[in-house]
Amino acid sequence: MSYELKPWHEIPVGSIVPEAGSSKVNKTGSWRMLRPVLNYDKCTHCLICWIFCPDDSIPVSPKERFETDFDYCKGCGICAVECPYNALEMVPEMEIKLKELEEQLG
């Protein structure tokens, strides 16, 4: 298979951002509507969620994924869509907040 490179003037304008842009400077705050919830039983640590996360909010070690950093996650759901094992579910933020409040109140 051969591939011929196009001349520069035939290539569409675009860019690659190898980092998380401004999301590491600006915290999400309280406006996130959906939160990715990880099912550890389904997760194989393939790190595809980490590759696709535009906010760099999924910390990883060389072989495993850790809990999402919700200070920077905007809840876009790309991680859940791209996960081939359906290990991530997008849950309404309000549902999680109510559950946390119920647990605190006992």
N, C-alpha and C. Protein backbone atom coordinates (compact mmCIF):
# COMPACT_ATOMS: atom_id res chain seq x y z
N MET A 1 0.85 -1.18 0.00
CA MET A 1 0.00 0.00 0.00
C MET A 1 0.89 1.23 0.00
N SER A 2 0.68 2.12 -0.93
CA SER A 2 1.47 3.35 -0.96
C SER A 2 0.57 4.54 -0.64
N TYR A 3 1.17 5.54 -0.12
CA TYR A 3 0.44 6.73 0.27
C TYR A 3 1.23 7.94 -0.20
N GLU A 4 0.59 8.80 -0.95
CA GLU A 4 1.26 9.99 -1.45
C GLU A 4 0.80 11.20 -0.64
N LEU A 5 1.75 11.94 -0.13
CA LEU A 5 1.42 13.13 0.65
C LEU A 5 0.92 14.24 -0.27
N LYS A 6 -0.13 14.92 0.18
CA LYS A 6 -0.67 16.05 -0.58
C LYS A 6 0.21 17.28 -0.38
N PRO A 7 0.22 18.16 -1.36
CA PRO A 7 0.92 19.43 -1.15
C PRO A 7 0.22 20.24 -0.06
N TRP A 8 0.94 21.11 0.61
CA TRP A 8 0.41 21.85 1.75
C TRP A 8 -0.87 22.61 1.42
N HIS A 9 -0.99 23.15 0.21
CA HIS A 9 -2.15 23.97 -0.14
C HIS A 9 -3.42 23.13 -0.40
N GLU A 10 -3.29 21.82 -0.45
CA GLU A 10 -4.45 20.94 -0.62
C GLU A 10 -4.93 20.33 0.70
N ILE A 11 -4.20 20.60 1.76
CA ILE A 11 -4.56 20.04 3.07
C ILE A 11 -5.50 21.01 3.77
N PRO A 12 -6.65 20.53 4.31
CA PRO A 12 -7.57 21.42 5.02
C PRO A 12 -6.92 22.03 6.26
N VAL A 13 -7.35 23.25 6.57
CA VAL A 13 -6.83 23.94 7.75
C VAL A 13 -7.32 23.22 8.99
N GLY A 14 -6.46 23.02 9.95
CA GLY A 14 -6.82 22.35 11.20
C GLY A 14 -5.67 22.43 12.17
N SER A 15 -5.88 21.85 13.33
CA SER A 15 -4.81 21.86 14.32
C SER A 15 -4.96 20.66 15.24
N ILE A 16 -3.90 20.39 15.97
CA ILE A 16 -3.91 19.33 16.97
C ILE A 16 -3.53 19.97 18.29
N VAL A 17 -4.33 19.73 19.31
CA VAL A 17 -4.02 20.24 20.65
C VAL A 17 -3.65 19.03 21.50
N PRO A 18 -2.37 18.85 21.81
CA PRO A 18 -1.95 17.65 22.54
C PRO A 18 -2.24 17.69 24.03
N GLU A 19 -2.68 18.84 24.53
CA GLU A 19 -2.97 18.97 25.96
C GLU A 19 -4.43 19.34 26.15
N ALA A 20 -4.82 19.55 27.37
CA ALA A 20 -6.22 19.78 27.70
C ALA A 20 -6.68 21.21 27.50
N GLY A 21 -5.98 22.00 26.76
CA GLY A 21 -6.41 23.37 26.52
C GLY A 21 -6.48 24.16 27.81
N SER A 22 -7.57 24.87 28.02
CA SER A 22 -7.70 25.72 29.22
C SER A 22 -8.32 24.99 30.40
N SER A 23 -8.74 23.75 30.21
CA SER A 23 -9.47 23.07 31.29
C SER A 23 -8.63 22.81 32.52
N LYS A 24 -7.31 22.77 32.40
CA LYS A 24 -6.47 22.59 33.58
C LYS A 24 -6.25 23.90 34.31
N VAL A 25 -6.63 25.01 33.69
CA VAL A 25 -6.53 26.32 34.32
C VAL A 25 -7.88 26.69 34.94
N ASN A 26 -8.95 26.33 34.25
CA ASN A 26 -10.31 26.69 34.67
C ASN A 26 -11.06 25.46 35.15
N LYS A 27 -11.43 25.47 36.41
CA LYS A 27 -12.20 24.34 36.95
C LYS A 27 -13.63 24.38 36.41
N THR A 28 -14.25 23.21 36.35
CA THR A 28 -15.59 23.09 35.81
C THR A 28 -16.61 23.87 36.62
N GLY A 29 -16.49 23.84 37.93
CA GLY A 29 -17.48 24.51 38.75
C GLY A 29 -18.71 23.65 38.92
N SER A 30 -19.85 24.26 39.07
CA SER A 30 -21.08 23.51 39.35
C SER A 30 -22.00 23.40 38.14
N TRP A 31 -21.52 23.68 36.95
CA TRP A 31 -22.41 23.66 35.79
C TRP A 31 -22.50 22.32 35.07
N ARG A 32 -21.72 21.32 35.47
CA ARG A 32 -21.76 20.02 34.80
C ARG A 32 -23.14 19.38 35.03
N MET A 33 -23.77 18.90 33.96
CA MET A 33 -25.09 18.27 34.05
C MET A 33 -25.01 16.75 34.19
N LEU A 34 -24.00 16.14 33.58
CA LEU A 34 -23.84 14.69 33.62
C LEU A 34 -22.45 14.34 34.14
N ARG A 35 -22.37 13.24 34.87
CA ARG A 35 -21.09 12.80 35.44
C ARG A 35 -20.82 11.37 34.98
N PRO A 36 -19.60 11.09 34.49
CA PRO A 36 -19.27 9.72 34.14
C PRO A 36 -19.04 8.89 35.40
N VAL A 37 -19.75 7.78 35.51
CA VAL A 37 -19.59 6.88 36.65
C VAL A 37 -18.99 5.59 36.12
N LEU A 38 -17.87 5.19 36.71
CA LEU A 38 -17.12 4.03 36.25
C LEU A 38 -17.58 2.76 36.94
N ASN A 39 -17.87 1.73 36.16
CA ASN A 39 -18.17 0.40 36.68
C ASN A 39 -16.85 -0.38 36.65
N TYR A 40 -16.22 -0.52 37.80
CA TYR A 40 -14.91 -1.16 37.88
C TYR A 40 -14.92 -2.62 37.42
N ASP A 41 -16.07 -3.28 37.54
CA ASP A 41 -16.16 -4.68 37.10
C ASP A 41 -16.07 -4.81 35.58
N LYS A 42 -16.52 -3.79 34.86
CA LYS A 42 -16.48 -3.83 33.40
C LYS A 42 -15.19 -3.23 32.83
N CYS A 43 -14.52 -2.40 33.61
CA CYS A 43 -13.33 -1.69 33.12
C CYS A 43 -12.15 -2.65 32.95
N THR A 44 -11.51 -2.60 31.79
CA THR A 44 -10.34 -3.44 31.52
C THR A 44 -9.05 -2.63 31.53
N HIS A 45 -9.14 -1.36 31.88
CA HIS A 45 -7.99 -0.45 31.91
C HIS A 45 -7.34 -0.33 30.53
N CYS A 46 -8.16 -0.31 29.49
CA CYS A 46 -7.63 -0.15 28.13
C CYS A 46 -7.20 1.30 27.87
N LEU A 47 -7.69 2.21 28.69
CA LEU A 47 -7.34 3.64 28.66
C LEU A 47 -7.86 4.38 27.43
N ILE A 48 -8.83 3.80 26.73
CA ILE A 48 -9.41 4.51 25.60
C ILE A 48 -10.14 5.76 26.08
N CYS A 49 -10.76 5.70 27.24
CA CYS A 49 -11.43 6.88 27.80
C CYS A 49 -10.42 8.02 28.00
N TRP A 50 -9.25 7.67 28.48
CA TRP A 50 -8.19 8.66 28.72
C TRP A 50 -7.71 9.29 27.41
N ILE A 51 -7.58 8.47 26.37
CA ILE A 51 -7.14 8.97 25.07
C ILE A 51 -8.11 10.00 24.52
N PHE A 52 -9.41 9.75 24.66
CA PHE A 52 -10.41 10.62 24.06
C PHE A 52 -10.85 11.79 24.93
N CYS A 53 -10.52 11.79 26.21
CA CYS A 53 -10.97 12.86 27.11
C CYS A 53 -10.35 14.20 26.70
N PRO A 54 -11.19 15.18 26.30
CA PRO A 54 -10.64 16.47 25.87
C PRO A 54 -10.15 17.33 27.02
N ASP A 55 -10.47 16.95 28.25
CA ASP A 55 -10.11 17.77 29.41
C ASP A 55 -8.95 17.21 30.21
N ASP A 56 -8.43 16.07 29.81
CA ASP A 56 -7.33 15.44 30.55
C ASP A 56 -7.72 15.24 32.01
N SER A 57 -8.98 14.86 32.23
CA SER A 57 -9.49 14.73 33.60
C SER A 57 -9.50 13.29 34.10
N ILE A 58 -8.85 12.39 33.37
CA ILE A 58 -8.77 10.99 33.79
C ILE A 58 -7.31 10.67 34.09
N PRO A 59 -6.94 10.69 35.37
CA PRO A 59 -5.55 10.36 35.70
C PRO A 59 -5.28 8.87 35.51
N VAL A 60 -4.10 8.54 35.02
CA VAL A 60 -3.74 7.14 34.79
C VAL A 60 -2.32 6.87 35.26
N SER A 61 -2.07 5.59 35.53
CA SER A 61 -0.71 5.11 35.75
C SER A 61 -0.37 4.32 34.49
N PRO A 62 0.81 3.74 34.39
CA PRO A 62 1.12 3.02 33.16
C PRO A 62 0.12 1.92 32.77
N LYS A 63 -0.58 1.34 33.74
CA LYS A 63 -1.45 0.22 33.38
C LYS A 63 -2.88 0.33 33.88
N GLU A 64 -3.24 1.42 34.55
CA GLU A 64 -4.62 1.47 35.03
C GLU A 64 -5.18 2.88 35.05
N ARG A 65 -6.49 2.92 35.09
CA ARG A 65 -7.24 4.17 35.10
C ARG A 65 -7.65 4.45 36.53
N PHE A 66 -7.65 5.73 36.90
CA PHE A 66 -8.09 6.12 38.23
C PHE A 66 -9.39 6.90 38.13
N GLU A 67 -9.96 7.25 39.26
CA GLU A 67 -11.22 7.99 39.29
C GLU A 67 -11.07 9.33 38.57
N THR A 68 -12.11 9.72 37.87
CA THR A 68 -12.12 10.97 37.12
C THR A 68 -11.92 12.16 38.05
N ASP A 69 -11.15 13.14 37.60
CA ASP A 69 -10.95 14.38 38.35
C ASP A 69 -12.11 15.31 38.02
N PHE A 70 -13.11 15.34 38.89
CA PHE A 70 -14.34 16.08 38.60
C PHE A 70 -14.17 17.59 38.71
N ASP A 71 -13.03 18.06 39.18
CA ASP A 71 -12.77 19.51 39.14
C ASP A 71 -12.64 19.98 37.70
N TYR A 72 -12.24 19.09 36.81
CA TYR A 72 -11.99 19.48 35.43
C TYR A 72 -12.88 18.79 34.40
N CYS A 73 -13.57 17.73 34.78
CA CYS A 73 -14.48 17.04 33.87
C CYS A 73 -15.70 17.91 33.61
N LYS A 74 -16.02 18.14 32.33
CA LYS A 74 -17.19 18.95 32.01
C LYS A 74 -18.43 18.11 31.71
N GLY A 75 -18.28 16.78 31.76
CA GLY A 75 -19.43 15.90 31.56
C GLY A 75 -19.86 15.77 30.12
N CYS A 76 -18.93 15.88 29.18
CA CYS A 76 -19.29 15.83 27.76
C CYS A 76 -19.74 14.43 27.32
N GLY A 77 -19.27 13.39 28.00
CA GLY A 77 -19.70 12.03 27.69
C GLY A 77 -18.89 11.33 26.62
N ILE A 78 -17.85 11.97 26.10
CA ILE A 78 -17.03 11.33 25.08
C ILE A 78 -16.43 10.03 25.61
N CYS A 79 -15.99 10.03 26.85
CA CYS A 79 -15.39 8.83 27.44
C CYS A 79 -16.37 7.66 27.43
N ALA A 80 -17.62 7.93 27.78
CA ALA A 80 -18.64 6.87 27.83
C ALA A 80 -18.97 6.35 26.43
N VAL A 81 -19.02 7.24 25.46
CA VAL A 81 -19.32 6.84 24.09
C VAL A 81 -18.20 5.99 23.51
N GLU A 82 -16.96 6.35 23.81
CA GLU A 82 -15.81 5.65 23.23
C GLU A 82 -15.45 4.35 23.95
N CYS A 83 -15.91 4.15 25.18
CA CYS A 83 -15.55 2.95 25.93
C CYS A 83 -16.13 1.70 25.25
N PRO A 84 -15.27 0.78 24.77
CA PRO A 84 -15.78 -0.40 24.08
C PRO A 84 -16.41 -1.43 25.03
N TYR A 85 -16.25 -1.25 26.32
CA TYR A 85 -16.76 -2.21 27.30
C TYR A 85 -17.97 -1.68 28.08
N ASN A 86 -18.45 -0.50 27.70
CA ASN A 86 -19.58 0.14 28.38
C ASN A 86 -19.36 0.22 29.89
N ALA A 87 -18.13 0.55 30.27
CA ALA A 87 -17.78 0.65 31.69
C ALA A 87 -18.12 2.01 32.28
N LEU A 88 -18.47 2.96 31.44
CA LEU A 88 -18.83 4.30 31.91
C LEU A 88 -20.28 4.60 31.59
N GLU A 89 -20.97 5.12 32.57
CA GLU A 89 -22.37 5.53 32.39
C GLU A 89 -22.48 7.00 32.76
N MET A 90 -23.15 7.77 31.92
CA MET A 90 -23.35 9.19 32.22
C MET A 90 -24.61 9.32 33.07
N VAL A 91 -24.42 9.79 34.29
CA VAL A 91 -25.51 9.89 35.27
C VAL A 91 -25.76 11.38 35.54
N PRO A 92 -27.04 11.79 35.64
CA PRO A 92 -27.32 13.19 35.95
C PRO A 92 -26.63 13.62 37.25
N GLU A 93 -25.98 14.75 37.20
CA GLU A 93 -25.24 15.27 38.36
C GLU A 93 -26.16 15.44 39.57
N MET A 94 -27.38 15.92 39.34
CA MET A 94 -28.32 16.14 40.44
C MET A 94 -28.66 14.84 41.15
N GLU A 95 -28.77 13.76 40.40
CA GLU A 95 -29.05 12.44 40.98
C GLU A 95 -27.93 12.03 41.95
N ILE A 96 -26.70 12.26 41.55
CA ILE A 96 -25.55 11.92 42.39
C ILE A 96 -25.50 12.81 43.62
N LYS A 97 -25.75 14.11 43.44
CA LYS A 97 -25.73 15.05 44.57
C LYS A 97 -26.80 14.69 45.59
N LEU A 98 -27.99 14.31 45.13
CA LEU A 98 -29.06 13.92 46.05
C LEU A 98 -28.70 12.66 46.82
N LYS A 99 -28.09 11.70 46.14
CA LYS A 99 -27.66 10.46 46.79
C LYS A 99 -26.60 10.75 47.85
N GLU A 100 -25.64 11.63 47.54
CA GLU A 100 -24.60 12.00 48.50
C GLU A 100 -25.21 12.69 49.72
N LEU A 101 -26.21 13.54 49.49
CA LEU A 101 -26.88 14.24 50.59
C LEU A 101 -27.64 13.27 51.47
N GLU A 102 -28.34 12.31 50.86
CA GLU A 102 -29.06 11.29 51.62
C GLU A 102 -28.12 10.47 52.49
N GLU A 103 -26.93 10.14 51.95
CA GLU A 103 -25.95 9.37 52.71
C GLU A 103 -25.41 10.18 53.89
N GLN A 104 -25.24 11.48 53.70
CA GLN A 104 -24.75 12.34 54.78
C GLN A 104 -25.78 12.47 55.89
N LEU A 105 -27.05 12.56 55.51
CA LEU A 105 -28.11 12.73 56.49
C LEU A 105 -28.49 11.42 57.18
N GLY A 106 -28.11 10.31 56.56
CA GLY A 106 -28.38 9.00 57.16
C GLY A 106 -29.74 8.58 56.93
